[in-house]
């Protein structure tokens, strides 16, 4: 089995989501700049990986909102963003618990 590079994983994630945000459906290109980013559901620093089941394609402002809970999100997307935020909070709590043991 060959190891997948970060670039290959990003490309595959974009293909899998057909270059659309998984939450809003926003397309890959808006004007001349890219607006989509690959998000690790479980961050690398919390034990996540580059496996496709850990990656999701998000529009930039949703991606920022997932990582910054002070950013308010339109009600249409709030539930999905909250689920992603919760994954991060749970992983952080698990990591903290393991360090205390």
N, C-alpha and C. Protein backbone atom coordinates (compact mmCIF):
# COMPACT_ATOMS: atom_id res chain seq x y z
N UNK A 1 0.84 -1.18 0.00
CA UNK A 1 0.00 0.00 0.00
C UNK A 1 0.89 1.24 0.00
N UNK A 2 0.58 2.20 -0.88
CA UNK A 2 1.38 3.41 -0.96
C UNK A 2 0.82 4.49 -0.04
N UNK A 3 1.72 5.31 0.45
CA UNK A 3 1.32 6.38 1.35
C UNK A 3 0.75 7.55 0.55
N UNK A 4 -0.37 8.08 1.00
CA UNK A 4 -1.00 9.23 0.36
C UNK A 4 -0.37 10.51 0.89
N UNK A 5 -0.01 11.41 -0.02
CA UNK A 5 0.55 12.69 0.39
C UNK A 5 -0.58 13.65 0.73
N UNK A 6 -0.22 14.73 1.41
CA UNK A 6 -1.21 15.75 1.76
C UNK A 6 -1.89 16.30 0.51
N UNK A 7 -1.10 16.57 -0.53
CA UNK A 7 -1.63 17.10 -1.78
C UNK A 7 -2.60 16.13 -2.43
N UNK A 8 -2.25 14.85 -2.43
CA UNK A 8 -3.14 13.84 -3.00
C UNK A 8 -4.43 13.75 -2.20
N UNK A 9 -4.33 13.82 -0.89
CA UNK A 9 -5.52 13.74 -0.03
C UNK A 9 -6.43 14.93 -0.28
N UNK A 10 -5.85 16.12 -0.41
CA UNK A 10 -6.66 17.32 -0.69
C UNK A 10 -7.37 17.19 -2.04
N UNK A 11 -6.62 16.74 -3.04
CA UNK A 11 -7.19 16.58 -4.38
C UNK A 11 -8.33 15.57 -4.38
N UNK A 12 -8.14 14.46 -3.68
CA UNK A 12 -9.19 13.44 -3.60
C UNK A 12 -10.41 13.96 -2.85
N UNK A 13 -10.19 14.74 -1.79
CA UNK A 13 -11.30 15.31 -1.04
C UNK A 13 -12.11 16.25 -1.93
N UNK A 14 -11.43 17.09 -2.69
CA UNK A 14 -12.12 18.00 -3.60
C UNK A 14 -12.91 17.22 -4.66
N UNK A 15 -12.35 16.13 -5.15
CA UNK A 15 -13.03 15.30 -6.14
C UNK A 15 -14.27 14.66 -5.52
N UNK A 16 -14.09 14.13 -4.31
CA UNK A 16 -15.19 13.45 -3.62
C UNK A 16 -16.37 14.37 -3.36
N UNK A 17 -16.10 15.63 -3.05
CA UNK A 17 -17.16 16.60 -2.80
C UNK A 17 -17.52 17.40 -4.06
N UNK A 18 -16.99 16.99 -5.20
CA UNK A 18 -17.28 17.61 -6.50
C UNK A 18 -17.00 19.12 -6.48
N UNK A 19 -15.95 19.51 -5.76
CA UNK A 19 -15.56 20.92 -5.63
C UNK A 19 -16.69 21.81 -5.12
N UNK A 20 -17.48 21.28 -4.18
CA UNK A 20 -18.55 22.03 -3.54
C UNK A 20 -18.41 21.91 -2.03
N UNK A 21 -18.71 22.98 -1.32
CA UNK A 21 -18.70 22.94 0.14
C UNK A 21 -19.70 21.89 0.61
N UNK A 22 -19.29 21.05 1.53
CA UNK A 22 -20.15 19.98 2.04
C UNK A 22 -21.35 20.53 2.82
N UNK A 23 -21.26 21.75 3.31
CA UNK A 23 -22.34 22.33 4.11
C UNK A 23 -23.21 23.30 3.31
N UNK A 24 -22.57 24.21 2.57
CA UNK A 24 -23.33 25.26 1.88
C UNK A 24 -23.56 24.98 0.39
N UNK A 25 -22.76 24.10 -0.19
CA UNK A 25 -22.85 23.84 -1.62
C UNK A 25 -22.15 24.88 -2.48
N UNK A 26 -21.39 25.78 -1.85
CA UNK A 26 -20.65 26.82 -2.57
C UNK A 26 -19.63 26.16 -3.50
N UNK A 27 -19.54 26.60 -4.76
CA UNK A 27 -18.57 26.01 -5.69
C UNK A 27 -17.14 26.42 -5.39
N UNK A 28 -16.20 25.67 -5.98
CA UNK A 28 -14.76 25.85 -5.75
C UNK A 28 -14.25 27.25 -6.02
N UNK A 29 -14.60 27.84 -7.12
CA UNK A 29 -14.00 29.13 -7.49
C UNK A 29 -15.06 30.22 -7.50
N UNK A 30 -14.72 31.30 -6.83
CA UNK A 30 -15.56 32.49 -6.81
C UNK A 30 -14.65 33.64 -7.21
N UNK A 31 -14.84 34.18 -8.40
CA UNK A 31 -13.90 35.17 -8.93
C UNK A 31 -12.61 34.47 -9.30
N UNK A 32 -11.48 35.04 -8.89
CA UNK A 32 -10.19 34.45 -9.23
C UNK A 32 -9.52 33.75 -8.05
N UNK A 33 -10.18 33.66 -6.91
CA UNK A 33 -9.53 33.04 -5.76
C UNK A 33 -10.33 31.84 -5.27
N UNK A 34 -9.63 30.90 -4.70
CA UNK A 34 -10.29 29.71 -4.17
C UNK A 34 -10.99 30.06 -2.86
N UNK A 35 -12.18 29.50 -2.69
CA UNK A 35 -12.94 29.79 -1.48
C UNK A 35 -13.16 28.53 -0.64
N UNK A 36 -12.70 27.38 -1.11
CA UNK A 36 -12.90 26.14 -0.35
C UNK A 36 -11.60 25.67 0.28
N UNK A 37 -11.73 25.07 1.46
CA UNK A 37 -10.58 24.55 2.19
C UNK A 37 -10.90 23.16 2.70
N UNK A 38 -9.87 22.32 2.76
CA UNK A 38 -10.04 20.97 3.30
C UNK A 38 -9.91 21.06 4.82
N UNK A 39 -10.90 20.54 5.53
CA UNK A 39 -10.91 20.56 7.00
C UNK A 39 -10.74 19.14 7.53
N UNK A 40 -9.91 19.00 8.55
CA UNK A 40 -9.77 17.73 9.26
C UNK A 40 -10.83 17.68 10.35
N UNK A 41 -11.77 16.76 10.27
CA UNK A 41 -12.80 16.64 11.30
C UNK A 41 -12.15 16.45 12.66
N UNK A 42 -11.18 15.56 12.73
CA UNK A 42 -10.34 15.42 13.92
C UNK A 42 -9.00 16.03 13.54
N UNK A 43 -8.63 17.18 14.13
CA UNK A 43 -7.39 17.86 13.77
C UNK A 43 -6.16 16.95 13.93
N UNK A 44 -5.17 17.20 13.09
CA UNK A 44 -3.94 16.41 13.13
C UNK A 44 -3.31 16.42 14.52
N UNK A 45 -3.29 17.60 15.17
CA UNK A 45 -2.65 17.70 16.49
C UNK A 45 -3.45 16.98 17.58
N UNK A 46 -4.66 16.54 17.24
CA UNK A 46 -5.47 15.79 18.21
C UNK A 46 -5.63 14.33 17.78
N UNK A 47 -4.72 13.88 16.92
CA UNK A 47 -4.72 12.47 16.52
C UNK A 47 -5.41 12.18 15.21
N UNK A 48 -5.84 13.21 14.49
CA UNK A 48 -6.49 13.01 13.20
C UNK A 48 -5.49 12.61 12.12
N UNK A 49 -6.01 12.29 10.96
CA UNK A 49 -5.15 11.84 9.86
C UNK A 49 -5.59 12.48 8.55
N UNK A 50 -4.87 12.13 7.48
CA UNK A 50 -5.20 12.57 6.14
C UNK A 50 -6.11 11.57 5.43
N UNK A 51 -6.66 10.59 6.15
CA UNK A 51 -7.59 9.64 5.54
C UNK A 51 -8.85 10.37 5.11
N UNK A 52 -9.45 9.93 4.01
CA UNK A 52 -10.62 10.61 3.46
C UNK A 52 -11.80 10.66 4.43
N UNK A 53 -11.91 9.66 5.29
CA UNK A 53 -13.03 9.68 6.25
C UNK A 53 -12.84 10.74 7.34
N UNK A 54 -11.70 11.40 7.36
CA UNK A 54 -11.44 12.47 8.33
C UNK A 54 -11.44 13.85 7.65
N UNK A 55 -11.67 13.90 6.35
CA UNK A 55 -11.60 15.16 5.62
C UNK A 55 -12.97 15.58 5.11
N UNK A 56 -13.20 16.90 5.13
CA UNK A 56 -14.43 17.46 4.60
C UNK A 56 -14.07 18.78 3.91
N UNK A 57 -14.73 19.10 2.83
CA UNK A 57 -14.47 20.32 2.08
C UNK A 57 -15.44 21.40 2.53
N UNK A 58 -14.88 22.53 2.99
CA UNK A 58 -15.70 23.62 3.54
C UNK A 58 -15.36 24.94 2.88
N UNK A 59 -16.37 25.78 2.73
CA UNK A 59 -16.14 27.15 2.30
C UNK A 59 -15.33 27.84 3.41
N UNK A 60 -14.48 28.77 3.03
CA UNK A 60 -13.52 29.38 3.97
C UNK A 60 -14.19 29.95 5.22
N UNK A 61 -15.29 30.68 5.09
CA UNK A 61 -15.90 31.31 6.28
C UNK A 61 -16.51 30.28 7.21
N UNK A 62 -17.01 29.17 6.68
CA UNK A 62 -17.51 28.09 7.54
C UNK A 62 -16.33 27.44 8.25
N UNK A 63 -15.23 27.22 7.53
CA UNK A 63 -14.04 26.61 8.12
C UNK A 63 -13.54 27.46 9.29
N UNK A 64 -13.50 28.78 9.10
CA UNK A 64 -13.06 29.67 10.19
C UNK A 64 -14.02 29.58 11.37
N UNK A 65 -15.32 29.52 11.09
CA UNK A 65 -16.32 29.44 12.17
C UNK A 65 -16.21 28.15 12.96
N UNK A 66 -15.84 27.07 12.30
CA UNK A 66 -15.67 25.79 13.01
C UNK A 66 -14.58 25.91 14.06
N UNK A 67 -13.50 26.60 13.72
CA UNK A 67 -12.36 26.73 14.63
C UNK A 67 -12.48 27.89 15.61
N UNK A 68 -13.35 28.84 15.33
CA UNK A 68 -13.51 30.02 16.19
C UNK A 68 -14.98 30.12 16.61
N UNK A 69 -15.28 29.65 17.80
CA UNK A 69 -16.67 29.60 18.26
C UNK A 69 -17.29 30.97 18.50
N UNK A 70 -16.48 32.03 18.46
CA UNK A 70 -17.04 33.38 18.63
C UNK A 70 -17.69 33.88 17.34
N UNK A 71 -17.43 33.19 16.22
CA UNK A 71 -18.03 33.58 14.95
C UNK A 71 -19.43 32.99 14.87
N UNK A 72 -20.41 33.87 14.67
CA UNK A 72 -21.80 33.42 14.54
C UNK A 72 -22.05 32.98 13.11
N UNK A 73 -22.85 31.93 12.96
CA UNK A 73 -23.13 31.35 11.65
C UNK A 73 -24.61 31.46 11.37
N UNK A 74 -24.95 31.71 10.11
CA UNK A 74 -26.34 31.74 9.67
C UNK A 74 -27.06 30.50 10.17
N UNK A 75 -28.28 30.66 10.62
CA UNK A 75 -29.05 29.57 11.22
C UNK A 75 -29.14 28.34 10.32
N UNK A 76 -29.13 28.55 8.99
CA UNK A 76 -29.23 27.42 8.06
C UNK A 76 -28.06 26.44 8.22
N UNK A 77 -26.92 26.95 8.65
CA UNK A 77 -25.71 26.14 8.74
C UNK A 77 -25.27 25.86 10.16
N UNK A 78 -25.95 26.44 11.13
CA UNK A 78 -25.52 26.38 12.53
C UNK A 78 -25.40 24.95 13.06
N UNK A 79 -26.35 24.09 12.74
CA UNK A 79 -26.33 22.72 13.26
C UNK A 79 -25.12 21.94 12.74
N UNK A 80 -24.83 22.07 11.46
CA UNK A 80 -23.68 21.36 10.88
C UNK A 80 -22.37 21.87 11.46
N UNK A 81 -22.26 23.19 11.60
CA UNK A 81 -21.04 23.77 12.16
C UNK A 81 -20.87 23.32 13.61
N UNK A 82 -21.95 23.30 14.36
CA UNK A 82 -21.88 22.89 15.76
C UNK A 82 -21.43 21.43 15.89
N UNK A 83 -21.86 20.58 14.99
CA UNK A 83 -21.41 19.17 15.03
C UNK A 83 -19.90 19.09 14.84
N UNK A 84 -19.35 19.88 13.91
CA UNK A 84 -17.91 19.87 13.69
C UNK A 84 -17.17 20.47 14.89
N UNK A 85 -17.72 21.52 15.48
CA UNK A 85 -17.11 22.12 16.68
C UNK A 85 -17.10 21.11 17.83
N UNK A 86 -18.17 20.36 17.95
CA UNK A 86 -18.28 19.39 19.04
C UNK A 86 -17.21 18.30 18.92
N UNK A 87 -16.94 17.85 17.70
CA UNK A 87 -15.89 16.84 17.48
C UNK A 87 -14.57 17.35 18.02
N UNK A 88 -14.24 18.60 17.72
CA UNK A 88 -12.98 19.19 18.18
C UNK A 88 -12.97 19.30 19.70
N UNK A 89 -14.07 19.77 20.31
CA UNK A 89 -14.13 19.89 21.77
C UNK A 89 -13.96 18.54 22.45
N UNK A 90 -14.61 17.51 21.93
CA UNK A 90 -14.50 16.17 22.51
C UNK A 90 -13.07 15.66 22.41
N UNK A 91 -12.45 15.83 21.25
CA UNK A 91 -11.06 15.36 21.08
C UNK A 91 -10.11 16.10 22.02
N UNK A 92 -10.32 17.40 22.19
CA UNK A 92 -9.48 18.16 23.12
C UNK A 92 -9.65 17.66 24.55
N UNK A 93 -10.88 17.38 24.94
CA UNK A 93 -11.15 16.87 26.29
C UNK A 93 -10.51 15.50 26.48
N UNK A 94 -10.61 14.65 25.47
CA UNK A 94 -10.00 13.31 25.56
C UNK A 94 -8.48 13.42 25.71
N UNK A 95 -7.89 14.32 24.94
CA UNK A 95 -6.43 14.51 25.01
C UNK A 95 -6.02 15.01 26.39
N UNK A 96 -6.77 15.99 26.90
CA UNK A 96 -6.47 16.52 28.24
C UNK A 96 -6.61 15.43 29.30
N UNK A 97 -7.64 14.62 29.21
CA UNK A 97 -7.85 13.52 30.16
C UNK A 97 -6.70 12.53 30.11
N UNK A 98 -6.26 12.17 28.92
CA UNK A 98 -5.16 11.22 28.77
C UNK A 98 -3.87 11.75 29.37
N UNK A 99 -3.63 13.06 29.22
CA UNK A 99 -2.41 13.65 29.77
C UNK A 99 -2.43 13.65 31.30
N UNK A 100 -3.62 13.75 31.89
CA UNK A 100 -3.74 13.78 33.33
C UNK A 100 -3.54 12.40 33.97
N UNK A 101 -3.71 11.36 33.19
CA UNK A 101 -3.62 10.00 33.72
C UNK A 101 -2.21 9.56 33.89
